[in-house]
Amino acid sequence: MSRIGKLPIAIPAEVDVKVDGQTVVVKGKLGELTQEVNGNMDIVVEDGMITLNRKDESKDTRSKHGLYRSLINNMIIGVSKGFKITQELVGVGYRASNQGQVLDLSLGFSHHIYFQIPVEVKVETVSDKGKNPLVILTSADKQLVGQVAAKIRSLRKPEPYKGKGVRYQGEEIRRKAGKTAG
């Protein structure tokens, strides 16, 4: 039995969960999320708890037991509390601003980068004098907000010598020593 898969998921009062065959629909104050579940999983909703049970013991079913439990748990947390990722732009002249869902980044290239953010993700930029600019992403969908943050980070990854680039707030960059004068 999967240690994660066998744990029951508590459903908060403000969250509504519907199971239609192998589709799980979760509604809450921050939105609605849908997830298709493998046909070998049995989803039981009772007494404010969700339990996932395996129908067989095949390797594929056992390997996905904990996965689907985590996905459903993340959906419930997302529609009730939401997920937030903060990134900082470290470097001289690095700037960020947004007009609606379009993020305008200046990352030391000869041109600005205009990045279209999906509708499900809310974007906010903070530029305080003397501090690194921040890009704050919030959404009910953990997978989507993480994917958008990873794409923004890939535009200019932090380099190990000066530490310049787009990094997650609180991320430690492993620094390398530069050349030594001979």
Protein backbone atom coordinates (compact mmCIF):
# COMPACT_ATOMS: atom_id res chain seq x y z
CA MET A 1 0.00 0.00 0.00
CA SER A 2 1.27 3.45 -0.90
CA ARG A 3 2.02 5.50 2.21
CA ILE A 4 0.78 8.68 0.55
CA GLY A 5 -2.02 7.05 -1.43
CA LYS A 6 -3.74 5.50 1.56
CA LEU A 7 -4.00 8.80 3.49
CA PRO A 8 -7.54 10.23 3.46
CA ILE A 9 -8.10 13.78 2.18
CA ALA A 10 -10.18 16.10 4.37
CA ILE A 11 -12.68 18.28 2.49
CA PRO A 12 -13.06 21.81 3.96
CA ALA A 13 -16.59 23.20 4.45
CA GLU A 14 -16.33 25.75 1.61
CA VAL A 15 -15.20 23.15 -0.96
CA ASP A 16 -17.59 21.04 -3.06
CA VAL A 17 -16.30 17.75 -4.55
CA LYS A 18 -18.16 15.78 -7.23
CA VAL A 19 -17.05 12.44 -8.66
CA ASP A 20 -18.52 11.53 -12.04
CA GLY A 21 -17.12 8.15 -13.08
CA GLN A 22 -13.36 8.74 -13.22
CA THR A 23 -13.57 12.56 -13.29
CA VAL A 24 -13.14 14.56 -10.09
CA VAL A 25 -14.50 18.13 -10.08
CA VAL A 26 -13.55 20.41 -7.17
CA LYS A 27 -15.27 23.81 -6.68
CA GLY A 28 -14.32 26.46 -4.16
CA LYS A 29 -14.14 30.20 -3.61
CA LEU A 30 -11.06 30.53 -5.89
CA GLY A 31 -12.38 28.55 -8.84
CA GLU A 32 -13.09 25.11 -10.23
CA LEU A 33 -10.59 22.38 -11.14
CA THR A 34 -11.07 19.06 -12.94
CA GLN A 35 -8.89 15.93 -12.94
CA GLU A 36 -9.23 12.65 -14.82
CA VAL A 37 -8.27 9.65 -12.66
CA ASN A 38 -6.97 6.26 -13.87
CA GLY A 39 -9.70 3.64 -14.36
CA ASN A 40 -8.01 1.34 -11.85
CA MET A 41 -8.67 3.77 -8.97
CA ASP A 42 -11.83 3.77 -6.90
CA ILE A 43 -12.70 7.22 -5.46
CA VAL A 44 -14.85 7.19 -2.32
CA VAL A 45 -16.33 10.43 -0.90
CA GLU A 46 -17.95 10.05 2.53
CA ASP A 47 -18.14 11.98 5.83
CA GLY A 48 -16.16 14.92 4.45
CA MET A 49 -13.23 12.69 3.44
CA ILE A 50 -11.93 11.39 0.11
CA THR A 51 -10.24 7.99 -0.05
CA LEU A 52 -8.54 6.44 -3.08
CA ASN A 53 -8.51 2.65 -3.33
CA ARG A 54 -6.81 0.47 -5.93
CA LYS A 55 -8.91 -2.03 -7.88
CA ASP A 56 -5.89 -4.23 -8.70
CA GLU A 57 -2.26 -4.56 -7.68
CA SER A 58 -0.56 -4.02 -11.04
CA LYS A 59 2.69 -2.06 -11.08
CA ASP A 60 1.12 0.82 -13.05
CA THR A 61 -1.79 1.17 -10.61
CA ARG A 62 0.48 1.02 -7.55
CA SER A 63 2.80 3.66 -9.00
CA LYS A 64 -0.07 6.09 -9.67
CA HIS A 65 -1.91 5.64 -6.36
CA GLY A 66 0.01 8.34 -4.50
CA LEU A 67 0.12 10.57 -7.58
CA TYR A 68 -3.65 10.85 -7.91
CA ARG A 69 -4.07 11.35 -4.17
CA SER A 70 -1.58 14.26 -4.30
CA LEU A 71 -3.24 15.77 -7.38
CA ILE A 72 -6.69 15.74 -5.74
CA ASN A 73 -5.25 17.12 -2.49
CA ASN A 74 -3.55 19.96 -4.41
CA MET A 75 -6.86 20.73 -6.15
CA ILE A 76 -8.64 21.05 -2.79
CA ILE A 77 -5.89 23.27 -1.35
CA GLY A 78 -5.87 25.34 -4.55
CA VAL A 79 -9.58 26.17 -4.63
CA SER A 80 -9.65 26.97 -0.90
CA LYS A 81 -6.31 28.75 -0.24
CA GLY A 82 -4.56 29.06 -3.61
CA PHE A 83 -0.88 28.84 -4.50
CA LYS A 84 1.59 31.70 -4.71
CA ILE A 85 5.10 31.82 -6.23
CA THR A 86 7.32 34.88 -5.87
CA GLN A 87 10.31 35.40 -8.15
CA GLU A 88 12.96 38.11 -7.94
CA LEU A 89 14.99 39.62 -10.75
CA VAL A 90 18.61 40.02 -9.65
CA GLY A 91 20.80 42.17 -11.88
CA VAL A 92 21.57 45.76 -12.80
CA GLY A 93 18.79 47.17 -15.00
CA TYR A 94 16.52 44.14 -14.66
CA ARG A 95 12.91 45.33 -14.57
CA ALA A 96 9.41 43.86 -14.63
CA SER A 97 6.01 45.39 -15.24
CA ASN A 98 2.64 44.08 -16.35
CA GLN A 99 -0.32 45.35 -18.34
CA GLY A 100 -3.14 42.94 -17.53
CA GLN A 101 -1.94 39.43 -18.39
CA VAL A 102 1.13 40.54 -20.38
CA LEU A 103 4.39 40.56 -18.40
CA ASP A 104 7.05 42.96 -19.71
CA LEU A 105 10.55 41.85 -18.67
CA SER A 106 13.84 43.65 -19.19
CA LEU A 107 16.53 41.05 -18.47
CA GLY A 108 19.71 42.56 -19.90
CA PHE A 109 19.01 41.62 -23.52
CA SER A 110 18.85 44.20 -26.33
CA HIS A 111 15.05 43.88 -26.36
CA HIS A 112 12.16 43.59 -23.90
CA ILE A 113 10.52 40.21 -23.43
CA TYR A 114 6.71 40.22 -23.50
CA PHE A 115 5.35 37.10 -21.81
CA GLN A 116 1.65 36.20 -22.07
CA ILE A 117 0.39 34.81 -18.74
CA PRO A 118 -2.57 32.33 -18.86
CA VAL A 119 -5.93 33.67 -17.70
CA GLU A 120 -6.05 31.28 -14.70
CA VAL A 121 -2.87 32.84 -13.22
CA LYS A 122 -2.89 36.31 -11.68
CA VAL A 123 0.34 38.27 -12.08
CA GLU A 124 1.57 41.20 -10.00
CA THR A 125 4.87 43.08 -10.19
CA VAL A 126 6.52 44.99 -7.35
CA SER A 127 9.35 47.48 -7.94
CA ASP A 128 10.64 49.15 -4.79
CA LYS A 129 13.64 51.47 -4.88
CA GLY A 130 16.80 49.76 -3.62
CA LYS A 131 15.29 46.26 -3.84
CA ASN A 132 15.14 43.67 -6.59
CA PRO A 133 11.94 43.71 -8.71
CA LEU A 134 9.47 40.95 -7.80
CA VAL A 135 7.05 38.97 -9.96
CA ILE A 136 4.22 37.43 -7.90
CA LEU A 137 2.14 34.65 -9.48
CA THR A 138 -1.04 33.34 -7.82
CA SER A 139 -3.46 30.66 -8.98
CA ALA A 140 -5.67 27.81 -7.80
CA ASP A 141 -3.85 25.37 -10.12
CA LYS A 142 -0.51 24.36 -8.58
CA GLN A 143 0.76 22.69 -11.73
CA LEU A 144 -0.03 25.67 -13.97
CA VAL A 145 1.47 28.32 -11.66
CA GLY A 146 4.64 26.22 -11.29
CA GLN A 147 4.91 25.75 -15.04
CA VAL A 148 4.54 29.51 -15.70
CA ALA A 149 7.14 30.30 -13.01
CA ALA A 150 9.57 27.78 -14.51
CA LYS A 151 9.09 29.30 -17.97
CA ILE A 152 9.80 32.82 -16.65
CA ARG A 153 12.89 31.53 -14.83
CA SER A 154 14.14 29.84 -18.01
CA LEU A 155 14.28 33.23 -19.78
CA ARG A 156 17.37 34.13 -17.71
CA LYS A 157 18.50 31.45 -15.26
CA PRO A 158 20.68 32.59 -12.33
CA GLU A 159 24.33 32.23 -13.21
CA PRO A 160 26.82 30.94 -10.62
CA TYR A 161 29.47 33.70 -10.79
CA LYS A 162 27.54 36.89 -10.01
CA GLY A 163 24.15 35.35 -9.19
CA LYS A 164 22.33 37.45 -11.80
CA GLY A 165 19.07 36.19 -13.27
CA VAL A 166 15.50 35.25 -12.36
CA ARG A 167 15.29 33.24 -9.16
CA TYR A 168 12.62 32.08 -6.76
CA GLN A 169 12.46 34.18 -3.61
CA GLY A 170 14.55 32.51 -0.93
CA GLU A 171 16.40 30.31 -3.43
CA GLU A 172 20.07 29.79 -2.66
CA ILE A 173 22.35 30.01 -5.68
CA ARG A 174 25.55 28.01 -5.42
CA ARG A 175 28.30 30.50 -6.17
CA LYS A 176 31.60 29.72 -7.88
CA ALA A 177 34.88 31.54 -7.52
CA GLY A 178 35.97 33.50 -10.58
CA LYS A 179 39.42 33.67 -12.12
CA THR A 180 42.32 34.51 -9.84
CA ALA A 181 44.88 37.07 -10.94
CA GLY A 182 48.12 35.32 -11.86
